[in-house]
Amino acid sequence: RHEYPCEIGDTIQLGNASYTVAAADVPGVMCPRAFVFGTTYAN
């Protein structure tokens, strides 16, 4: 959420698919992860 503000439960449209936010870092705090979005390989 430091890079893309949102809330858990929000829906994000990526391409032709809709994704539900299941986990999110604390807003406004530098994200310790190297990637803004994380999902499964299949999705």
PDB file of all heavy atoms in Angstrom:
ATOM      1  N   ARG A   1       0.807  -1.232   0.000  1.00  0.00           N
ATOM      2  CA  ARG A   1       0.000   0.000   0.000  1.00  0.00           C
ATOM      3  C   ARG A   1       0.836   1.275   0.000  1.00  0.00           C
ATOM      4  O   ARG A   1       0.308   2.362  -0.198  1.00  0.00           O
ATOM      5  CB  ARG A   1      -0.963  -0.023   1.196  1.00  0.00           C
ATOM      6  CG  ARG A   1      -2.093  -1.030   1.014  1.00  0.00           C
ATOM      7  CD  ARG A   1      -3.157  -0.858   2.058  1.00  0.00           C
ATOM      8  NE  ARG A   1      -2.764  -1.420   3.326  1.00  0.00           N
ATOM      9  CZ  ARG A   1      -3.580  -1.545   4.376  1.00  0.00           C
ATOM     10  NH1 ARG A   1      -4.830  -1.118   4.295  1.00  0.00           N
ATOM     11  NH2 ARG A   1      -3.165  -2.079   5.497  1.00  0.00           N
ATOM     12  N   HIS A   2       2.128   1.148   0.238  1.00  0.00           N
ATOM     13  CA  HIS A   2       2.992   2.325   0.122  1.00  0.00           C
ATOM     14  C   HIS A   2       3.066   2.768  -1.342  1.00  0.00           C
ATOM     15  O   HIS A   2       3.200   3.955  -1.635  1.00  0.00           O
ATOM     16  CB  HIS A   2       4.396   1.999   0.645  1.00  0.00           C
ATOM     17  CG  HIS A   2       5.361   3.129   0.528  1.00  0.00           C
ATOM     18  ND1 HIS A   2       5.341   4.213   1.372  1.00  0.00           N
ATOM     19  CD2 HIS A   2       6.358   3.359  -0.349  1.00  0.00           C
ATOM     20  CE1 HIS A   2       6.297   5.057   1.025  1.00  0.00           C
ATOM     21  NE2 HIS A   2       6.933   4.568  -0.015  1.00  0.00           N
ATOM     22  N   GLU A   3       2.973   1.781  -2.252  1.00  0.00           N
ATOM     23  CA  GLU A   3       3.045   2.070  -3.681  1.00  0.00           C
ATOM     24  C   GLU A   3       1.659   2.214  -4.308  1.00  0.00           C
ATOM     25  O   GLU A   3       1.465   3.009  -5.222  1.00  0.00           O
ATOM     26  CB  GLU A   3       3.815   0.951  -4.395  1.00  0.00           C
ATOM     27  CG  GLU A   3       5.232   0.757  -3.894  1.00  0.00           C
ATOM     28  CD  GLU A   3       6.147   1.899  -4.282  1.00  0.00           C
ATOM     29  OE1 GLU A   3       5.773   2.651  -5.211  1.00  0.00           O
ATOM     30  OE2 GLU A   3       7.211   2.057  -3.662  1.00  0.00           O
ATOM     31  N   TYR A   4       0.694   1.424  -3.810  1.00  0.00           N
ATOM     32  CA  TYR A   4      -0.652   1.470  -4.379  1.00  0.00           C
ATOM     33  C   TYR A   4      -1.669   1.447  -3.236  1.00  0.00           C
ATOM     34  O   TYR A   4      -1.979   0.387  -2.693  1.00  0.00           O
ATOM     35  CB  TYR A   4      -0.883   0.279  -5.313  1.00  0.00           C
ATOM     36  CG  TYR A   4      -2.214   0.338  -6.038  1.00  0.00           C
ATOM     37  CD1 TYR A   4      -2.350   1.078  -7.210  1.00  0.00           C
ATOM     38  CD2 TYR A   4      -3.337  -0.320  -5.539  1.00  0.00           C
ATOM     39  CE1 TYR A   4      -3.561   1.152  -7.878  1.00  0.00           C
ATOM     40  CE2 TYR A   4      -4.558  -0.254  -6.184  1.00  0.00           C
ATOM     41  CZ  TYR A   4      -4.663   0.481  -7.353  1.00  0.00           C
ATOM     42  OH  TYR A   4      -5.869   0.552  -8.010  1.00  0.00           O
ATOM     43  N   PRO A   5      -2.177   2.599  -2.806  1.00  0.00           N
ATOM     44  CA  PRO A   5      -3.104   2.663  -1.675  1.00  0.00           C
ATOM     45  C   PRO A   5      -4.384   1.872  -1.945  1.00  0.00           C
ATOM     46  O   PRO A   5      -5.001   1.992  -3.011  1.00  0.00           O
ATOM     47  CB  PRO A   5      -3.403   4.162  -1.551  1.00  0.00           C
ATOM     48  CG  PRO A   5      -2.259   4.838  -2.234  1.00  0.00           C
ATOM     49  CD  PRO A   5      -1.859   3.923  -3.353  1.00  0.00           C
ATOM     50  N   CYS A   6      -4.779   1.065  -0.994  1.00  0.00           N
ATOM     51  CA  CYS A   6      -6.015   0.286  -1.092  1.00  0.00           C
ATOM     52  C   CYS A   6      -6.334  -0.291   0.275  1.00  0.00           C
ATOM     53  O   CYS A   6      -5.600  -0.074   1.234  1.00  0.00           O
ATOM     54  CB  CYS A   6      -5.885  -0.836  -2.132  1.00  0.00           C
ATOM     55  SG  CYS A   6      -4.669  -2.074  -1.667  1.00  0.00           S
ATOM     56  N   GLU A   7      -7.438  -1.033   0.371  1.00  0.00           N
ATOM     57  CA  GLU A   7      -7.842  -1.679   1.609  1.00  0.00           C
ATOM     58  C   GLU A   7      -8.099  -3.163   1.348  1.00  0.00           C
ATOM     59  O   GLU A   7      -8.422  -3.554   0.217  1.00  0.00           O
ATOM     60  CB  GLU A   7      -9.105  -1.026   2.187  1.00  0.00           C
ATOM     61  CG  GLU A   7      -8.949   0.439   2.549  1.00  0.00           C
ATOM     62  CD  GLU A   7      -7.975   0.665   3.689  1.00  0.00           C
ATOM     63  OE1 GLU A   7      -7.795  -0.272   4.504  1.00  0.00           O
ATOM     64  OE2 GLU A   7      -7.393   1.767   3.766  1.00  0.00           O
ATOM     65  N   ILE A   8      -7.944  -3.968   2.388  1.00  0.00           N
ATOM     66  CA  ILE A   8      -8.238  -5.395   2.256  1.00  0.00           C
ATOM     67  C   ILE A   8      -9.719  -5.569   1.910  1.00  0.00           C
ATOM     68  O   ILE A   8     -10.586  -4.963   2.531  1.00  0.00           O
ATOM     69  CB  ILE A   8      -7.890  -6.146   3.555  1.00  0.00           C
ATOM     70  CG1 ILE A   8      -6.373  -6.114   3.784  1.00  0.00           C
ATOM     71  CG2 ILE A   8      -8.388  -7.594   3.513  1.00  0.00           C
ATOM     72  CD1 ILE A   8      -5.918  -6.767   5.060  1.00  0.00           C
ATOM     73  N   GLY A   9      -9.976  -6.373   0.918  1.00  0.00           N
ATOM     74  CA  GLY A   9     -11.343  -6.581   0.445  1.00  0.00           C
ATOM     75  C   GLY A   9     -11.668  -5.798  -0.809  1.00  0.00           C
ATOM     76  O   GLY A   9     -12.678  -6.067  -1.466  1.00  0.00           O
ATOM     77  N   ASP A  10     -10.821  -4.804  -1.141  1.00  0.00           N
ATOM     78  CA  ASP A  10     -11.034  -4.039  -2.376  1.00  0.00           C
ATOM     79  C   ASP A  10     -10.843  -4.938  -3.601  1.00  0.00           C
ATOM     80  O   ASP A  10     -10.178  -5.970  -3.539  1.00  0.00           O
ATOM     81  CB  ASP A  10     -10.054  -2.863  -2.447  1.00  0.00           C
ATOM     82  CG  ASP A  10     -10.424  -1.743  -1.491  1.00  0.00           C
ATOM     83  OD1 ASP A  10     -11.489  -1.849  -0.850  1.00  0.00           O
ATOM     84  OD2 ASP A  10      -9.641  -0.784  -1.370  1.00  0.00           O
ATOM     85  N   THR A  11     -11.401  -4.496  -4.698  1.00  0.00           N
ATOM     86  CA  THR A  11     -11.236  -5.204  -5.976  1.00  0.00           C
ATOM     87  C   THR A  11     -10.343  -4.389  -6.889  1.00  0.00           C
ATOM     88  O   THR A  11     -10.532  -3.183  -7.046  1.00  0.00           O
ATOM     89  CB  THR A  11     -12.595  -5.439  -6.647  1.00  0.00           C
ATOM     90  OG1 THR A  11     -13.411  -6.243  -5.790  1.00  0.00           O
ATOM     91  CG2 THR A  11     -12.420  -6.152  -7.982  1.00  0.00           C
ATOM     92  N   ILE A  12      -9.357  -5.061  -7.476  1.00  0.00           N
ATOM     93  CA  ILE A  12      -8.424  -4.406  -8.403  1.00  0.00           C
ATOM     94  C   ILE A  12      -8.536  -5.095  -9.754  1.00  0.00           C
ATOM     95  O   ILE A  12      -8.466  -6.320  -9.844  1.00  0.00           O
ATOM     96  CB  ILE A  12      -6.982  -4.474  -7.874  1.00  0.00           C
ATOM     97  CG1 ILE A  12      -6.866  -3.725  -6.545  1.00  0.00           C
ATOM     98  CG2 ILE A  12      -6.006  -3.903  -8.892  1.00  0.00           C
ATOM     99  CD1 ILE A  12      -5.480  -3.793  -5.931  1.00  0.00           C
ATOM    100  N   GLN A  13      -8.687  -4.313 -10.785  1.00  0.00           N
ATOM    101  CA  GLN A  13      -8.794  -4.844 -12.141  1.00  0.00           C
ATOM    102  C   GLN A  13      -7.420  -4.822 -12.808  1.00  0.00           C
ATOM    103  O   GLN A  13      -6.842  -3.771 -13.046  1.00  0.00           O
ATOM    104  CB  GLN A  13      -9.786  -4.006 -12.959  1.00  0.00           C
ATOM    105  CG  GLN A  13     -10.135  -4.596 -14.322  1.00  0.00           C
ATOM    106  CD  GLN A  13     -11.058  -5.793 -14.221  1.00  0.00           C
ATOM    107  OE1 GLN A  13     -11.788  -5.939 -13.234  1.00  0.00           O
ATOM    108  NE2 GLN A  13     -11.017  -6.651 -15.230  1.00  0.00           N
ATOM    109  N   LEU A  14      -6.896  -6.015 -13.093  1.00  0.00           N
ATOM    110  CA  LEU A  14      -5.628  -6.144 -13.787  1.00  0.00           C
ATOM    111  C   LEU A  14      -5.885  -6.859 -15.103  1.00  0.00           C
ATOM    112  O   LEU A  14      -6.195  -8.051 -15.125  1.00  0.00           O
ATOM    113  CB  LEU A  14      -4.612  -6.928 -12.953  1.00  0.00           C
ATOM    114  CG  LEU A  14      -4.165  -6.272 -11.639  1.00  0.00           C
ATOM    115  CD1 LEU A  14      -3.228  -7.182 -10.876  1.00  0.00           C
ATOM    116  CD2 LEU A  14      -3.498  -4.932 -11.910  1.00  0.00           C
ATOM    117  N   GLY A  15      -5.802  -6.128 -16.187  1.00  0.00           N
ATOM    118  CA  GLY A  15      -6.114  -6.716 -17.481  1.00  0.00           C
ATOM    119  C   GLY A  15      -7.588  -7.055 -17.571  1.00  0.00           C
ATOM    120  O   GLY A  15      -8.455  -6.231 -17.277  1.00  0.00           O
ATOM    121  N   ASN A  16      -7.890  -8.299 -17.926  1.00  0.00           N
ATOM    122  CA  ASN A  16      -9.271  -8.756 -18.047  1.00  0.00           C
ATOM    123  C   ASN A  16      -9.785  -9.439 -16.790  1.00  0.00           C
ATOM    124  O   ASN A  16     -10.900  -9.956 -16.782  1.00  0.00           O
ATOM    125  CB  ASN A  16      -9.403  -9.719 -19.237  1.00  0.00           C
ATOM    126  CG  ASN A  16      -9.066  -9.049 -20.559  1.00  0.00           C
ATOM    127  OD1 ASN A  16      -9.367  -7.870 -20.755  1.00  0.00           O
ATOM    128  ND2 ASN A  16      -8.421  -9.789 -21.460  1.00  0.00           N
ATOM    129  N   ALA A  17      -8.981  -9.482 -15.734  1.00  0.00           N
ATOM    130  CA  ALA A  17      -9.365 -10.212 -14.525  1.00  0.00           C
ATOM    131  C   ALA A  17      -9.484  -9.277 -13.329  1.00  0.00           C
ATOM    132  O   ALA A  17      -8.793  -8.254 -13.235  1.00  0.00           O
ATOM    133  CB  ALA A  17      -8.346 -11.308 -14.232  1.00  0.00           C
ATOM    134  N   SER A  18     -10.386  -9.643 -12.416  1.00  0.00           N
ATOM    135  CA  SER A  18     -10.585  -8.896 -11.175  1.00  0.00           C
ATOM    136  C   SER A  18      -9.939  -9.658 -10.018  1.00  0.00           C
ATOM    137  O   SER A  18     -10.104 -10.884  -9.904  1.00  0.00           O
ATOM    138  CB  SER A  18     -12.078  -8.693 -10.909  1.00  0.00           C
ATOM    139  OG  SER A  18     -12.676  -7.927 -11.933  1.00  0.00           O
ATOM    140  N   TYR A  19      -9.241  -8.940  -9.166  1.00  0.00           N
ATOM    141  CA  TYR A  19      -8.554  -9.542  -8.025  1.00  0.00           C
ATOM    142  C   TYR A  19      -9.054  -8.914  -6.730  1.00  0.00           C
ATOM    143  O   TYR A  19      -9.266  -7.703  -6.664  1.00  0.00           O
ATOM    144  CB  TYR A  19      -7.043  -9.338  -8.131  1.00  0.00           C
ATOM    145  CG  TYR A  19      -6.397 -10.072  -9.289  1.00  0.00           C
ATOM    146  CD1 TYR A  19      -6.462  -9.546 -10.583  1.00  0.00           C
ATOM    147  CD2 TYR A  19      -5.741 -11.270  -9.098  1.00  0.00           C
ATOM    148  CE1 TYR A  19      -5.878 -10.208 -11.653  1.00  0.00           C
ATOM    149  CE2 TYR A  19      -5.148 -11.941 -10.155  1.00  0.00           C
ATOM    150  CZ  TYR A  19      -5.214 -11.408 -11.432  1.00  0.00           C
ATOM    151  OH  TYR A  19      -4.640 -12.066 -12.486  1.00  0.00           O
ATOM    152  N   THR A  20      -9.222  -9.756  -5.707  1.00  0.00           N
ATOM    153  CA  THR A  20      -9.614  -9.282  -4.389  1.00  0.00           C
ATOM    154  C   THR A  20      -8.371  -9.131  -3.523  1.00  0.00           C
ATOM    155  O   THR A  20      -7.546 -10.055  -3.444  1.00  0.00           O
ATOM    156  CB  THR A  20     -10.585 -10.273  -3.717  1.00  0.00           C
ATOM    157  OG1 THR A  20     -11.733 -10.433  -4.540  1.00  0.00           O
ATOM    158  CG2 THR A  20     -10.999  -9.757  -2.346  1.00  0.00           C
ATOM    159  N   VAL A  21      -8.223  -7.990  -2.884  1.00  0.00           N
ATOM    160  CA  VAL A  21      -7.059  -7.749  -2.024  1.00  0.00           C
ATOM    161  C   VAL A  21      -7.211  -8.594  -0.749  1.00  0.00           C
ATOM    162  O   VAL A  21      -8.108  -8.370   0.058  1.00  0.00           O
ATOM    163  CB  VAL A  21      -6.942  -6.259  -1.662  1.00  0.00           C
ATOM    164  CG1 VAL A  21      -5.752  -6.038  -0.728  1.00  0.00           C
ATOM    165  CG2 VAL A  21      -6.798  -5.415  -2.922  1.00  0.00           C
ATOM    166  N   ALA A  22      -6.342  -9.579  -0.602  1.00  0.00           N
ATOM    167  CA  ALA A  22      -6.395 -10.481   0.559  1.00  0.00           C
ATOM    168  C   ALA A  22      -5.386 -10.099   1.627  1.00  0.00           C
ATOM    169  O   ALA A  22      -5.535 -10.457   2.795  1.00  0.00           O
ATOM    170  CB  ALA A  22      -6.150 -11.924   0.109  1.00  0.00           C
ATOM    171  N   ALA A  23      -4.332  -9.394   1.247  1.00  0.00           N
ATOM    172  CA  ALA A  23      -3.305  -8.978   2.205  1.00  0.00           C
ATOM    173  C   ALA A  23      -2.714  -7.662   1.735  1.00  0.00           C
ATOM    174  O   ALA A  23      -2.607  -7.407   0.534  1.00  0.00           O
ATOM    175  CB  ALA A  23      -2.216 -10.039   2.311  1.00  0.00           C
ATOM    176  N   ALA A  24      -2.355  -6.825   2.682  1.00  0.00           N
ATOM    177  CA  ALA A  24      -1.790  -5.520   2.331  1.00  0.00           C
ATOM    178  C   ALA A  24      -0.892  -5.035   3.451  1.00  0.00           C
ATOM    179  O   ALA A  24      -1.145  -5.303   4.632  1.00  0.00           O
ATOM    180  CB  ALA A  24      -2.910  -4.509   2.079  1.00  0.00           C
ATOM    181  N   ASP A  25       0.159  -4.336   3.087  1.00  0.00           N
ATOM    182  CA  ASP A  25       1.069  -3.775   4.084  1.00  0.00           C
ATOM    183  C   ASP A  25       0.468  -2.511   4.683  1.00  0.00           C
ATOM    184  O   ASP A  25      -0.519  -1.969   4.184  1.00  0.00           O
ATOM    185  CB  ASP A  25       2.414  -3.451   3.430  1.00  0.00           C
ATOM    186  CG  ASP A  25       3.099  -4.702   2.904  1.00  0.00           C
ATOM    187  OD1 ASP A  25       3.521  -5.512   3.725  1.00  0.00           O
ATOM    188  OD2 ASP A  25       3.188  -4.852   1.667  1.00  0.00           O
ATOM    189  N   VAL A  26       1.075  -2.060   5.751  1.00  0.00           N
ATOM    190  CA  VAL A  26       0.589  -0.861   6.431  1.00  0.00           C
ATOM    191  C   VAL A  26       0.701   0.335   5.489  1.00  0.00           C
ATOM    192  O   VAL A  26       1.765   0.572   4.901  1.00  0.00           O
ATOM    193  CB  VAL A  26       1.405  -0.593   7.705  1.00  0.00           C
ATOM    194  CG1 VAL A  26       0.941   0.686   8.385  1.00  0.00           C
ATOM    195  CG2 VAL A  26       1.279  -1.780   8.656  1.00  0.00           C
ATOM    196  N   PRO A  27      -0.368   1.098   5.286  1.00  0.00           N
ATOM    197  CA  PRO A  27      -0.311   2.229   4.355  1.00  0.00           C
ATOM    198  C   PRO A  27       0.653   3.306   4.833  1.00  0.00           C
ATOM    199  O   PRO A  27       0.766   3.578   6.028  1.00  0.00           O
ATOM    200  CB  PRO A  27      -1.755   2.751   4.348  1.00  0.00           C
ATOM    201  CG  PRO A  27      -2.339   2.281   5.646  1.00  0.00           C
ATOM    202  CD  PRO A  27      -1.690   0.963   5.924  1.00  0.00           C
ATOM    203  N   GLY A  28       1.383   3.868   3.882  1.00  0.00           N
ATOM    204  CA  GLY A  28       2.300   4.952   4.208  1.00  0.00           C
ATOM    205  C   GLY A  28       3.650   4.503   4.722  1.00  0.00           C
ATOM    206  O   GLY A  28       4.546   5.312   4.912  1.00  0.00           O
ATOM    207  N   VAL A  29       3.818   3.185   4.947  1.00  0.00           N
ATOM    208  CA  VAL A  29       5.093   2.664   5.441  1.00  0.00           C
ATOM    209  C   VAL A  29       5.810   1.982   4.284  1.00  0.00           C
ATOM    210  O   VAL A  29       5.191   1.250   3.513  1.00  0.00           O
ATOM    211  CB  VAL A  29       4.865   1.661   6.593  1.00  0.00           C
ATOM    212  CG1 VAL A  29       6.192   1.057   7.042  1.00  0.00           C
ATOM    213  CG2 VAL A  29       4.161   2.356   7.753  1.00  0.00           C
ATOM    214  N   MET A  30       7.117   2.216   4.169  1.00  0.00           N
ATOM    215  CA  MET A  30       7.882   1.635   3.078  1.00  0.00           C
ATOM    216  C   MET A  30       7.730   0.116   3.074  1.00  0.00           C
ATOM    217  O   MET A  30       7.953  -0.547   4.088  1.00  0.00           O
ATOM    218  CB  MET A  30       9.364   1.999   3.204  1.00  0.00           C
ATOM    219  CG  MET A  30      10.217   1.498   2.058  1.00  0.00           C
ATOM    220  SD  MET A  30       9.765   2.244   0.467  1.00  0.00           S
ATOM    221  CE  MET A  30      10.383   3.912   0.694  1.00  0.00           C
ATOM    222  N   CYS A  31       7.321  -0.433   1.952  1.00  0.00           N
ATOM    223  CA  CYS A  31       7.059  -1.865   1.837  1.00  0.00           C
ATOM    224  C   CYS A  31       8.379  -2.640   1.857  1.00  0.00           C
ATOM    225  O   CYS A  31       9.289  -2.331   1.085  1.00  0.00           O
ATOM    226  CB  CYS A  31       6.303  -2.148   0.538  1.00  0.00           C
ATOM    227  SG  CYS A  31       5.895  -3.873   0.300  1.00  0.00           S
ATOM    228  N   PRO A  32       8.506  -3.641   2.729  1.00  0.00           N
ATOM    229  CA  PRO A  32       9.760  -4.405   2.789  1.00  0.00           C
ATOM    230  C   PRO A  32       9.915  -5.365   1.622  1.00  0.00           C
ATOM    231  O   PRO A  32      10.987  -5.889   1.384  1.00  0.00           O
ATOM    232  CB  PRO A  32       9.629  -5.161   4.115  1.00  0.00           C
ATOM    233  CG  PRO A  32       8.158  -5.332   4.308  1.00  0.00           C
ATOM    234  CD  PRO A  32       7.529  -4.097   3.727  1.00  0.00           C
ATOM    235  N   ARG A  33       8.819  -5.622   0.889  1.00  0.00           N
ATOM    236  CA  ARG A  33       8.883  -6.564  -0.223  1.00  0.00           C
ATOM    237  C   ARG A  33       9.347  -5.872  -1.494  1.00  0.00           C
ATOM    238  O   ARG A  33       9.192  -4.672  -1.669  1.00  0.00           O
ATOM    239  CB  ARG A  33       7.515  -7.226  -0.426  1.00  0.00           C
ATOM    240  CG  ARG A  33       7.067  -8.047   0.771  1.00  0.00           C
ATOM    241  CD  ARG A  33       5.758  -8.757   0.493  1.00  0.00           C
ATOM    242  NE  ARG A  33       4.629  -7.832   0.442  1.00  0.00           N
ATOM    243  CZ  ARG A  33       3.866  -7.649  -0.613  1.00  0.00           C
ATOM    244  NH1 ARG A  33       4.101  -8.306  -1.719  1.00  0.00           N
ATOM    245  NH2 ARG A  33       2.847  -6.807  -0.590  1.00  0.00           N
ATOM    246  N   ALA A  34       9.870  -6.664  -2.419  1.00  0.00           N
ATOM    247  CA  ALA A  34      10.419  -6.103  -3.657  1.00  0.00           C
ATOM    248  C   ALA A  34       9.353  -5.878  -4.720  1.00  0.00           C
ATOM    249  O   ALA A  34       9.626  -5.237  -5.728  1.00  0.00           O
ATOM    250  CB  ALA A  34      11.493  -7.049  -4.200  1.00  0.00           C
ATOM    251  N   PHE A  35       8.131  -6.406  -4.500  1.00  0.00           N
ATOM    252  CA  PHE A  35       7.085  -6.310  -5.513  1.00  0.00           C
ATOM    253  C   PHE A  35       5.847  -5.614  -4.945  1.00  0.00           C
ATOM    254  O   PHE A  35       5.490  -5.803  -3.784  1.00  0.00           O
ATOM    255  CB  PHE A  35       6.706  -7.707  -6.017  1.00  0.00           C
ATOM    256  CG  PHE A  35       7.859  -8.441  -6.653  1.00  0.00           C
ATOM    257  CD1 PHE A  35       8.687  -9.246  -5.894  1.00  0.00           C
ATOM    258  CD2 PHE A  35       8.121  -8.305  -8.006  1.00  0.00           C
ATOM    259  CE1 PHE A  35       9.762  -9.905  -6.471  1.00  0.00           C
ATOM    260  CE2 PHE A  35       9.189  -8.960  -8.598  1.00  0.00           C
ATOM    261  CZ  PHE A  35      10.010  -9.763  -7.828  1.00  0.00           C
ATOM    262  N   VAL A  36       5.195  -4.836  -5.799  1.00  0.00           N
ATOM    263  CA  VAL A  36       3.996  -4.118  -5.376  1.00  0.00           C
ATOM    264  C   VAL A  36       2.818  -5.084  -5.246  1.00  0.00           C
ATOM    265  O   VAL A  36       2.064  -5.036  -4.278  1.00  0.00           O
ATOM    266  CB  VAL A  36       3.662  -2.996  -6.374  1.00  0.00           C
ATOM    267  CG1 VAL A  36       2.378  -2.275  -5.953  1.00  0.00           C
ATOM    268  CG2 VAL A  36       4.815  -2.005  -6.464  1.00  0.00           C
ATOM    269  N   PHE A  37       2.663  -5.965  -6.233  1.00  0.00           N
ATOM    270  CA  PHE A  37       1.573  -6.937  -6.211  1.00  0.00           C
ATOM    271  C   PHE A  37       2.128  -8.346  -6.084  1.00  0.00           C
ATOM    272  O   PHE A  37       3.184  -8.663  -6.641  1.00  0.00           O
ATOM    273  CB  PHE A  37       0.734  -6.844  -7.492  1.00  0.00           C
ATOM    274  CG  PHE A  37       0.015  -5.538  -7.670  1.00  0.00           C
ATOM    275  CD1 PHE A  37       0.194  -4.781  -8.814  1.00  0.00           C
ATOM    276  CD2 PHE A  37      -0.839  -5.070  -6.686  1.00  0.00           C
ATOM    277  CE1 PHE A  37      -0.476  -3.573  -8.987  1.00  0.00           C
ATOM    278  CE2 PHE A  37      -1.508  -3.857  -6.840  1.00  0.00           C
ATOM    279  CZ  PHE A  37      -1.319  -3.110  -7.989  1.00  0.00           C
ATOM    280  N   GLY A  38       1.386  -9.176  -5.377  1.00  0.00           N
ATOM    281  CA  GLY A  38       1.757 -10.576  -5.252  1.00  0.00           C
ATOM    282  C   GLY A  38       0.536 -11.453  -5.423  1.00  0.00           C
ATOM    283  O   GLY A  38      -0.519 -11.179  -4.849  1.00  0.00           O
ATOM    284  N   THR A  39       0.637 -12.489  -6.223  1.00  0.00           N
ATOM    285  CA  THR A  39      -0.482 -13.403  -6.431  1.00  0.00           C
ATOM    286  C   THR A  39       0.066 -14.809  -6.641  1.00  0.00           C
ATOM    287  O   THR A  39       1.269 -15.049  -6.461  1.00  0.00           O
ATOM    288  CB  THR A  39      -1.341 -12.947  -7.629  1.00  0.00           C
ATOM    289  OG1 THR A  39      -2.509 -13.758  -7.710  1.00  0.00           O
ATOM    290  CG2 THR A  39      -0.565 -13.027  -8.925  1.00  0.00           C
ATOM    291  N   THR A  40      -0.802 -15.732  -7.029  1.00  0.00           N
ATOM    292  CA  THR A  40      -0.348 -17.093  -7.279  1.00  0.00           C
ATOM    293  C   THR A  40       0.147 -17.216  -8.718  1.00  0.00           C
ATOM    294  O   THR A  40      -0.208 -16.421  -9.587  1.00  0.00           O
ATOM    295  CB  THR A  40      -1.488 -18.099  -7.040  1.00  0.00           C
ATOM    296  OG1 THR A  40      -2.549 -17.832  -7.969  1.00  0.00           O
ATOM    297  CG2 THR A  40      -2.023 -17.974  -5.620  1.00  0.00           C
ATOM    298  N   TYR A  41       0.926 -18.215  -8.948  1.00  0.00           N
ATOM    299  CA  TYR A  41       1.471 -18.443 -10.295  1.00  0.00           C
ATOM    300  C   TYR A  41       0.342 -18.627 -11.305  1.00  0.00           C
ATOM    301  O   TYR A  41       0.377 -18.068 -12.405  1.00  0.00           O
ATOM    302  CB  TYR A  41       2.362 -19.687 -10.257  1.00  0.00           C
ATOM    303  CG  TYR A  41       2.949 -20.095 -11.588  1.00  0.00           C
ATOM    304  CD1 TYR A  41       4.141 -19.544 -12.040  1.00  0.00           C
ATOM    305  CD2 TYR A  41       2.310 -21.042 -12.394  1.00  0.00           C
ATOM    306  CE1 TYR A  41       4.686 -19.924 -13.265  1.00  0.00           C
ATOM    307  CE2 TYR A  41       2.842 -21.420 -13.614  1.00  0.00           C
ATOM    308  CZ  TYR A  41       4.034 -20.861 -14.043  1.00  0.00           C
ATOM    309  OH  TYR A  41       4.556 -21.241 -15.256  1.00  0.00           O
ATOM    310  N   ALA A  42      -0.674 -19.406 -10.905  1.00  0.00           N
ATOM    311  CA  ALA A  42      -1.783 -19.694 -11.822  1.00  0.00           C
ATOM    312  C   ALA A  42      -2.593 -18.447 -12.156  1.00  0.00           C
ATOM    313  O   ALA A  42      -3.166 -18.338 -13.244  1.00  0.00           O
ATOM    314  CB  ALA A  42      -2.682 -20.767 -11.228  1.00  0.00           C
ATOM    315  N   ASN A  43      -2.663 -17.503 -11.207  1.00  0.00           N
ATOM    316  CA  ASN A  43      -3.496 -16.313 -11.399  1.00  0.00           C
ATOM    317  C   ASN A  43      -2.728 -15.091 -11.878  1.00  0.00           C
ATOM    318  O   ASN A  43      -3.247 -13.968 -11.836  1.00  0.00           O
ATOM    319  CB  ASN A  43      -4.224 -15.972 -10.095  1.00  0.00           C
ATOM    320  CG  ASN A  43      -5.282 -17.010  -9.749  1.00  0.00           C
ATOM    321  OD1 ASN A  43      -5.834 -17.661 -10.632  1.00  0.00           O
ATOM    322  ND2 ASN A  43      -5.550 -17.162  -8.458  1.00  0.00           N
TER     323      ASN A  43
END
